[in-house]
Amino acid sequence: MVGFYFMAKPKLGSGMRFKALKKELEQKGAINTGALEGWIGRKKYGNKKMAELSAKGRKNK
């Protein structure tokens, strides 16, 4: 398949997924995107994993 590429998802914890989701939610009209992203992440990964990712994000800042 010429011209057809598969894009790999960015690594979890890199922040790129978070930014992409924020942009998508803003386009859909969400008001408080940060809170909505947190809710989605906790539902998908659980409180413990989200806490680990949050700590990793703060450390990399």
Protein backbone atom coordinates (compact mmCIF):
# COMPACT_ATOMS: atom_id res chain seq x y z
CA MET A 1 0.00 0.00 0.00
CA VAL A 2 1.81 3.02 -1.25
CA GLY A 3 1.16 6.21 0.71
CA PHE A 4 -0.66 4.51 3.55
CA TYR A 5 1.16 4.60 6.88
CA PHE A 6 0.23 3.40 10.31
CA MET A 7 0.93 5.95 13.02
CA ALA A 8 2.08 4.42 16.28
CA LYS A 9 0.52 5.85 19.41
CA PRO A 10 2.87 7.99 21.48
CA LYS A 11 4.28 6.31 24.56
CA LEU A 12 2.06 6.44 27.65
CA GLY A 13 3.35 9.13 30.00
CA SER A 14 4.90 11.27 27.28
CA GLY A 15 2.05 13.80 27.41
CA MET A 16 1.40 13.63 23.67
CA ARG A 17 -1.78 11.58 24.11
CA PHE A 18 -3.00 14.09 26.68
CA LYS A 19 -2.43 17.02 24.30
CA ALA A 20 -4.14 15.23 21.41
CA LEU A 21 -7.16 14.40 23.57
CA LYS A 22 -7.34 17.99 24.81
CA LYS A 23 -7.39 19.30 21.25
CA GLU A 24 -10.09 16.80 20.27
CA LEU A 25 -12.27 17.67 23.28
CA GLU A 26 -11.92 21.42 22.62
CA GLN A 27 -13.08 20.89 19.04
CA LYS A 28 -16.13 19.04 20.35
CA GLY A 29 -16.97 21.98 22.63
CA ALA A 30 -15.86 20.75 26.06
CA ILE A 31 -15.42 23.57 28.56
CA ASN A 32 -13.13 22.15 31.26
CA THR A 33 -10.99 19.78 29.21
CA GLY A 34 -8.45 19.09 31.96
CA ALA A 35 -11.08 17.75 34.34
CA LEU A 36 -12.70 15.70 31.60
CA GLU A 37 -9.34 14.21 30.58
CA GLY A 38 -8.63 13.28 34.19
CA TRP A 39 -12.01 11.60 34.53
CA ILE A 40 -11.48 9.63 31.31
CA GLY A 41 -7.97 8.59 32.38
CA ARG A 42 -9.07 7.45 35.84
CA LYS A 43 -11.89 5.44 34.32
CA LYS A 44 -9.52 3.80 31.80
CA TYR A 45 -6.36 3.32 33.91
CA GLY A 46 -7.55 3.56 37.52
CA ASN A 47 -6.51 5.91 40.32
CA LYS A 48 -3.17 4.23 41.02
CA LYS A 49 -1.90 4.33 37.43
CA MET A 50 -3.10 7.93 36.95
CA ALA A 51 -1.25 8.95 40.12
CA GLU A 52 1.93 7.35 38.75
CA LEU A 53 1.55 9.15 35.41
CA SER A 54 0.86 12.44 37.17
CA ALA A 55 3.97 12.09 39.31
CA LYS A 56 6.01 11.24 36.20
CA GLY A 57 4.64 14.33 34.43
CA ARG A 58 5.50 16.60 37.34
CA LYS A 59 8.99 15.14 37.54
CA ASN A 60 9.64 15.74 33.82
CA LYS A 61 8.49 19.37 33.93
